[in-house]
């Protein structure tokens, strides 16, 4: 292992690490490439108490698989966070370009919440999100924010190309990729981890409290289907939902597969009184995206709703339609 280059890279990244208070952080490097860099990067930082697990590169991945989202991969990190009463747990995939986070209660943090915290900390003026990104980020533009939000197709090729074209400050993919203008317009799991550490150190409360204060949305894990003639199938789904959900204000995008957003009309417009107050929503909005995978012969489905019952209902409806069209 060439430690000279590790030291050069760590010193380059170290300039960004500036926690404002003492934090206890646990890193799970998934026996990938991030371990040697992170150890060198965090050494002698008086504000950080760090613990490392699975930090030795090993292509056999003895602790768990290289993908943090696979079943059981987070368990060891979650247990360590609770055991050591850490402020944050951070886990990388094997090559360190994706990163995921565990809060101080041992709970998995939704990537949209991480993007929200990074936006708050970095204060970008122009950001890119992929079409799977949820309402927690999409609705920033409805909150009198000066941030310009641009949607992109899924995949680092499309994100990086668009970032350079429009000179975006920051980009986020729901898959755990975070891109930075000051990092050559590319993604870095380690830089994202650094900026989250910086952000948490500025909060007046814990990461768990930050999570609990966010607006609540409900979404499915990404669901995969094997479908013949995917484009014809997607067209049928679009037509069916336009008929079934005509009571909603519907937005349709074909930027990447099919995205349909169903936003309820305000209660006042329907002549109803809402418990959200005059003109409030009934809390039944939802959206889904159905797209062909860039890497596998699969259709990928993402669904998000404003309440749990609606999530179950719409997933069942989509399953029923998919079964009928197979």
Protein backbone atom coordinates (compact mmCIF):
# COMPACT_ATOMS: atom_id res chain seq x y z
CA UNK A 1 0.00 0.00 0.00
CA UNK A 2 1.40 3.40 -1.02
CA UNK A 3 1.11 5.49 2.14
CA UNK A 4 2.63 8.52 0.45
CA UNK A 5 -0.45 8.98 -1.74
CA UNK A 6 -2.78 8.20 1.17
CA UNK A 7 -1.12 10.97 3.17
CA UNK A 8 -1.39 13.45 0.30
CA UNK A 9 -5.09 12.67 -0.20
CA UNK A 10 -5.84 12.73 3.53
CA UNK A 11 -4.10 16.10 3.93
CA UNK A 12 -6.16 17.46 1.03
CA UNK A 13 -9.43 16.34 2.64
CA UNK A 14 -8.38 17.31 6.17
CA UNK A 15 -8.70 21.00 5.31
CA UNK A 16 -12.48 20.55 5.22
CA UNK A 17 -12.80 18.82 8.62
CA UNK A 18 -13.67 21.46 11.22
CA UNK A 19 -16.04 20.21 13.95
CA UNK A 20 -17.21 22.96 16.31
CA UNK A 21 -17.66 20.73 19.36
CA UNK A 22 -16.55 17.34 20.67
CA UNK A 23 -18.17 14.39 18.93
CA UNK A 24 -17.91 10.63 19.17
CA UNK A 25 -18.05 8.98 15.74
CA UNK A 26 -17.90 5.33 14.66
CA UNK A 27 -16.77 4.44 11.14
CA UNK A 28 -17.58 1.15 9.43
CA UNK A 29 -15.34 0.99 6.35
CA UNK A 30 -16.85 -2.29 5.06
CA UNK A 31 -13.31 -3.70 4.54
CA UNK A 32 -13.01 -1.33 1.58
CA UNK A 33 -10.72 1.51 0.59
CA UNK A 34 -11.94 4.22 2.98
CA UNK A 35 -10.28 2.90 6.17
CA UNK A 36 -6.62 3.91 5.69
CA UNK A 37 -7.64 7.39 4.49
CA UNK A 38 -10.10 8.02 7.34
CA UNK A 39 -7.61 6.93 9.99
CA UNK A 40 -5.00 9.34 8.68
CA UNK A 41 -7.61 12.06 8.18
CA UNK A 42 -9.02 12.02 11.73
CA UNK A 43 -5.83 11.42 13.67
CA UNK A 44 -4.94 14.14 16.20
CA UNK A 45 -8.28 15.94 15.79
CA UNK A 46 -8.98 17.04 19.36
CA UNK A 47 -12.71 17.43 18.77
CA UNK A 48 -13.24 13.87 17.54
CA UNK A 49 -13.23 10.58 19.39
CA UNK A 50 -13.26 7.94 16.68
CA UNK A 51 -13.75 4.18 16.58
CA UNK A 52 -13.12 2.07 13.47
CA UNK A 53 -14.61 -1.27 12.51
CA UNK A 54 -13.88 -3.30 9.38
CA UNK A 55 -11.21 -0.76 8.48
CA UNK A 56 -8.67 -3.17 6.96
CA UNK A 57 -9.12 -3.58 3.19
CA UNK A 58 -10.09 -7.18 2.42
CA UNK A 59 -11.71 -8.22 -0.84
CA UNK A 60 -13.33 -11.21 0.89
CA UNK A 61 -15.45 -8.78 2.97
CA UNK A 62 -15.43 -10.95 6.12
CA UNK A 63 -17.69 -8.73 8.27
CA UNK A 64 -20.52 -8.09 5.82
CA UNK A 65 -20.95 -7.51 2.09
CA UNK A 66 -19.60 -4.41 0.35
CA UNK A 67 -23.08 -2.88 -0.05
CA UNK A 68 -24.28 -1.18 3.20
CA UNK A 69 -27.92 -1.48 2.11
CA UNK A 70 -27.91 -5.27 1.98
CA UNK A 71 -29.83 -6.98 4.78
CA UNK A 72 -27.83 -7.16 8.02
CA UNK A 73 -24.95 -4.94 6.85
CA UNK A 74 -25.81 -2.10 9.27
CA UNK A 75 -26.29 -4.23 12.37
CA UNK A 76 -22.70 -4.17 13.65
CA UNK A 77 -22.46 -0.39 13.29
CA UNK A 78 -25.82 0.17 14.96
CA UNK A 79 -24.79 -1.97 17.92
CA UNK A 80 -21.48 -0.09 18.27
CA UNK A 81 -23.19 3.30 18.17
CA UNK A 82 -25.48 2.28 21.02
CA UNK A 83 -22.72 0.55 23.00
CA UNK A 84 -20.36 3.54 22.91
CA UNK A 85 -23.15 6.15 23.04
CA UNK A 86 -21.74 7.71 19.90
CA UNK A 87 -23.11 10.86 18.28
CA UNK A 88 -22.99 9.36 14.81
CA UNK A 89 -22.29 6.16 12.89
CA UNK A 90 -20.96 6.28 9.32
CA UNK A 91 -20.72 3.37 6.87
CA UNK A 92 -19.15 3.33 3.41
CA UNK A 93 -19.46 0.97 0.50
CA UNK A 94 -16.37 -0.87 -0.70
CA UNK A 95 -14.94 1.87 -2.92
CA UNK A 96 -16.01 4.73 -0.66
CA UNK A 97 -18.13 6.68 -3.12
CA UNK A 98 -21.40 5.94 -1.28
CA UNK A 99 -21.99 6.69 2.38
CA UNK A 100 -24.85 6.13 4.84
CA UNK A 101 -25.43 7.28 8.39
CA UNK A 102 -26.78 6.04 11.72
CA UNK A 103 -28.07 8.51 14.32
CA UNK A 104 -27.17 8.48 18.03
CA UNK A 105 -30.12 6.16 18.77
CA UNK A 106 -28.89 3.59 16.26
CA UNK A 107 -31.47 4.44 13.59
CA UNK A 108 -30.75 4.52 9.87
CA UNK A 109 -30.92 8.06 8.50
CA UNK A 110 -32.84 8.53 5.26
CA UNK A 111 -30.51 9.89 2.52
CA UNK A 112 -32.95 12.76 1.95
CA UNK A 113 -32.41 13.86 5.56
CA UNK A 114 -28.64 13.77 4.99
CA UNK A 115 -29.06 15.90 1.85
CA UNK A 116 -31.24 18.31 3.84
CA UNK A 117 -28.55 18.69 6.52
CA UNK A 118 -25.79 19.14 3.92
CA UNK A 119 -27.84 21.84 2.17
CA UNK A 120 -28.36 23.61 5.50
CA UNK A 121 -24.65 23.49 6.28
CA UNK A 122 -23.19 24.22 2.83
CA UNK A 123 -25.80 26.81 1.78
CA UNK A 124 -25.59 26.05 -1.95
CA UNK A 125 -27.38 28.31 -4.41
CA UNK A 126 -27.86 25.71 -7.13
CA UNK A 127 -28.34 21.97 -6.49
CA UNK A 128 -29.12 18.87 -8.54
CA UNK A 129 -31.21 15.95 -7.31
CA UNK A 130 -32.10 12.70 -9.02
CA UNK A 131 -35.72 11.84 -9.75
CA UNK A 132 -35.90 9.44 -6.77
CA UNK A 133 -35.24 12.24 -4.28
CA UNK A 134 -38.22 12.81 -2.00
CA UNK A 135 -40.41 15.71 -0.94
CA UNK A 136 -38.14 16.60 1.97
CA UNK A 137 -35.80 18.13 -0.62
CA UNK A 138 -38.21 18.84 -3.48
CA UNK A 139 -40.41 21.04 -1.29
CA UNK A 140 -37.51 23.30 -0.29
CA UNK A 141 -38.39 25.42 -3.32
CA UNK A 142 -41.89 25.96 -1.90
CA UNK A 143 -40.50 27.46 1.30
CA UNK A 144 -39.44 30.87 -0.10
CA UNK A 145 -35.93 29.51 -0.50
CA UNK A 146 -33.51 31.08 -2.95
CA UNK A 147 -32.03 27.68 -3.76
CA UNK A 148 -32.47 26.58 -7.37
CA UNK A 149 -33.25 22.85 -7.61
CA UNK A 150 -32.72 20.98 -10.88
CA UNK A 151 -33.75 17.35 -11.43
CA UNK A 152 -31.55 14.83 -13.23
CA UNK A 153 -31.68 11.29 -14.49
CA UNK A 154 -30.33 8.68 -12.09
CA UNK A 155 -26.62 7.89 -12.37
CA UNK A 156 -23.29 9.59 -11.80
CA UNK A 157 -22.72 10.07 -15.54
CA UNK A 158 -25.79 12.28 -15.84
CA UNK A 159 -25.27 14.07 -12.52
CA UNK A 160 -21.63 14.99 -13.17
CA UNK A 161 -22.33 16.12 -16.73
CA UNK A 162 -25.21 18.34 -15.63
CA UNK A 163 -23.28 19.72 -12.64
CA UNK A 164 -20.51 20.99 -14.88
CA UNK A 165 -22.93 22.30 -17.49
CA UNK A 166 -24.92 24.48 -15.06
CA UNK A 167 -22.10 25.06 -12.53
CA UNK A 168 -24.08 23.52 -9.65
CA UNK A 169 -22.74 23.81 -6.10
CA UNK A 170 -23.99 20.47 -4.76
CA UNK A 171 -25.82 17.35 -5.89
CA UNK A 172 -27.42 14.42 -4.12
CA UNK A 173 -28.62 11.02 -5.25
CA UNK A 174 -30.96 8.95 -3.12
CA UNK A 175 -28.51 6.05 -3.50
CA UNK A 176 -26.04 7.71 -1.09
CA UNK A 177 -23.91 9.64 -3.59
CA UNK A 178 -23.16 13.28 -2.76
CA UNK A 179 -21.35 15.57 -5.21
CA UNK A 180 -19.47 18.78 -4.49
CA UNK A 181 -18.40 21.66 -6.70
CA UNK A 182 -15.27 22.10 -4.59
CA UNK A 183 -14.42 18.44 -5.20
CA UNK A 184 -14.17 18.71 -8.98
CA UNK A 185 -17.95 18.24 -9.45
CA UNK A 186 -17.71 14.57 -8.43
CA UNK A 187 -19.00 12.42 -5.59
CA UNK A 188 -17.10 11.56 -2.43
CA UNK A 189 -18.38 9.49 0.46
CA UNK A 190 -15.55 10.70 2.68
CA UNK A 191 -16.14 14.40 1.95
CA UNK A 192 -19.87 13.91 2.58
CA UNK A 193 -19.02 12.31 5.94
CA UNK A 194 -16.73 15.23 6.80
CA UNK A 195 -19.42 17.78 6.01
CA UNK A 196 -22.03 15.86 8.03
CA UNK A 197 -19.66 15.81 11.02
CA UNK A 198 -19.20 19.58 10.60
CA UNK A 199 -22.97 20.08 10.35
CA UNK A 200 -23.85 17.99 13.42
CA UNK A 201 -21.27 19.89 15.44
CA UNK A 202 -23.22 23.10 14.74
CA UNK A 203 -26.61 21.71 15.81
CA UNK A 204 -27.93 22.68 19.25
CA UNK A 205 -29.28 19.14 19.65
CA UNK A 206 -28.51 15.56 18.64
CA UNK A 207 -28.80 13.99 15.20
CA UNK A 208 -31.80 12.00 16.44
CA UNK A 209 -33.52 15.24 17.48
CA UNK A 210 -32.80 16.71 14.05
CA UNK A 211 -34.41 13.66 12.45
CA UNK A 212 -37.49 13.87 14.66
CA UNK A 213 -38.01 17.56 13.88
CA UNK A 214 -38.15 17.01 10.10
CA UNK A 215 -41.48 16.76 8.23
CA UNK A 216 -42.54 13.13 8.12
CA UNK A 217 -42.89 11.28 4.83
CA UNK A 218 -43.16 7.55 4.18
CA UNK A 219 -41.48 5.67 1.38
CA UNK A 220 -40.87 2.14 0.20
CA UNK A 221 -37.50 0.53 -0.33
CA UNK A 222 -36.69 0.38 -4.03
CA UNK A 223 -38.77 -2.47 -5.49
CA UNK A 224 -37.54 -4.33 -8.59
CA UNK A 225 -39.57 -6.09 -11.29
CA UNK A 226 -38.69 -8.12 -14.37
CA UNK A 227 -40.97 -6.85 -17.15
CA UNK A 228 -41.01 -7.48 -20.89
CA UNK A 229 -41.39 -4.38 -23.08
CA UNK A 230 -40.81 -1.91 -20.22
CA UNK A 231 -41.62 1.25 -22.21
CA UNK A 232 -45.00 -0.11 -23.30
CA UNK A 233 -45.67 -1.20 -19.73
CA UNK A 234 -44.79 2.24 -18.30
CA UNK A 235 -47.17 3.91 -20.78
CA UNK A 236 -50.03 1.67 -19.62
CA UNK A 237 -49.32 2.50 -15.97
CA UNK A 238 -49.38 6.23 -16.77
CA UNK A 239 -52.72 5.97 -18.56
CA UNK A 240 -54.26 3.90 -15.78
CA UNK A 241 -53.27 6.29 -12.99
CA UNK A 242 -54.45 9.36 -14.89
CA UNK A 243 -57.91 7.79 -14.98
CA UNK A 244 -57.95 6.37 -11.43
CA UNK A 245 -56.59 9.46 -9.67
CA UNK A 246 -58.28 12.25 -11.61
CA UNK A 247 -59.26 13.91 -8.31
CA UNK A 248 -55.63 14.82 -7.70
CA UNK A 249 -53.51 17.57 -9.18
CA UNK A 250 -51.18 15.35 -11.22
CA UNK A 251 -47.68 16.19 -12.43
CA UNK A 252 -46.04 13.84 -14.91
CA UNK A 253 -42.37 13.68 -15.88
CA UNK A 254 -40.67 11.39 -18.38
CA UNK A 255 -37.16 12.65 -17.55
CA UNK A 256 -36.18 9.15 -16.39
CA UNK A 257 -38.86 6.51 -16.80
CA UNK A 258 -42.17 7.74 -15.39
CA UNK A 259 -42.61 10.02 -12.39
CA UNK A 260 -46.18 10.83 -11.33
CA UNK A 261 -46.87 13.24 -8.47
CA UNK A 262 -50.35 13.31 -6.98
CA UNK A 263 -50.88 16.43 -4.92
CA UNK A 264 -54.21 16.88 -3.20
CA UNK A 265 -56.15 19.99 -3.92
CA UNK A 266 -56.26 22.32 -0.88
CA UNK A 267 -59.18 21.52 1.41
CA UNK A 268 -60.63 25.00 0.93
CA UNK A 269 -60.84 24.46 -2.83
CA UNK A 270 -62.84 21.29 -2.24
CA UNK A 271 -65.20 23.09 0.12
CA UNK A 272 -63.92 21.13 3.13
CA UNK A 273 -62.48 22.13 6.46
CA UNK A 274 -59.03 20.68 7.03
CA UNK A 275 -57.43 19.92 10.39
CA UNK A 276 -54.36 21.62 8.92
CA UNK A 277 -56.22 24.92 8.99
CA UNK A 278 -57.74 27.07 6.28
CA UNK A 279 -56.49 26.04 2.87
CA UNK A 280 -54.46 23.13 4.25
CA UNK A 281 -53.79 19.81 2.57
CA UNK A 282 -55.71 16.67 3.48
CA UNK A 283 -52.40 14.80 3.82
CA UNK A 284 -53.04 12.35 1.00
CA UNK A 285 -50.39 13.45 -1.51
CA UNK A 286 -47.98 10.90 -2.96
CA UNK A 287 -45.65 10.19 -5.88
CA UNK A 288 -43.94 7.29 -7.57
CA UNK A 289 -41.15 6.77 -10.08
CA UNK A 290 -40.89 3.72 -12.31
CA UNK A 291 -37.72 3.49 -14.39
CA UNK A 292 -35.52 0.99 -16.18
CA UNK A 293 -32.29 0.20 -14.35
CA UNK A 294 -29.08 1.52 -15.93
CA UNK A 295 -27.21 -1.66 -14.96
CA UNK A 296 -29.70 -4.57 -14.81
CA UNK A 297 -32.69 -5.84 -16.85
CA UNK A 298 -35.13 -4.57 -14.22
CA UNK A 299 -37.78 -1.94 -13.64
CA UNK A 300 -37.22 -0.05 -10.38
CA UNK A 301 -40.10 1.41 -8.38
CA UNK A 302 -39.89 4.12 -5.70
CA UNK A 303 -42.98 5.35 -3.84
CA UNK A 304 -43.39 8.12 -1.24
CA UNK A 305 -46.53 9.29 0.56
CA UNK A 306 -47.66 11.65 3.28
CA UNK A 307 -48.99 8.88 5.53
CA UNK A 308 -48.26 5.20 6.17
CA UNK A 309 -51.70 3.85 5.27
CA UNK A 310 -51.56 5.57 1.91
CA UNK A 311 -48.12 4.05 1.21
CA UNK A 312 -49.45 0.53 1.79
CA UNK A 313 -52.54 1.27 -0.31
CA UNK A 314 -50.67 2.66 -3.33
CA UNK A 315 -48.02 -0.07 -3.32
CA UNK A 316 -50.78 -2.69 -3.37
CA UNK A 317 -52.44 -0.83 -6.24
CA UNK A 318 -49.17 -0.74 -8.21
CA UNK A 319 -48.52 -4.43 -7.53
CA UNK A 320 -52.01 -5.24 -8.78
CA UNK A 321 -51.50 -3.24 -12.00
CA UNK A 322 -48.07 -4.72 -12.59
CA UNK A 323 -49.41 -8.25 -12.13
CA UNK A 324 -52.22 -7.52 -14.59
CA UNK A 325 -49.85 -6.19 -17.25
CA UNK A 326 -47.11 -8.84 -16.91
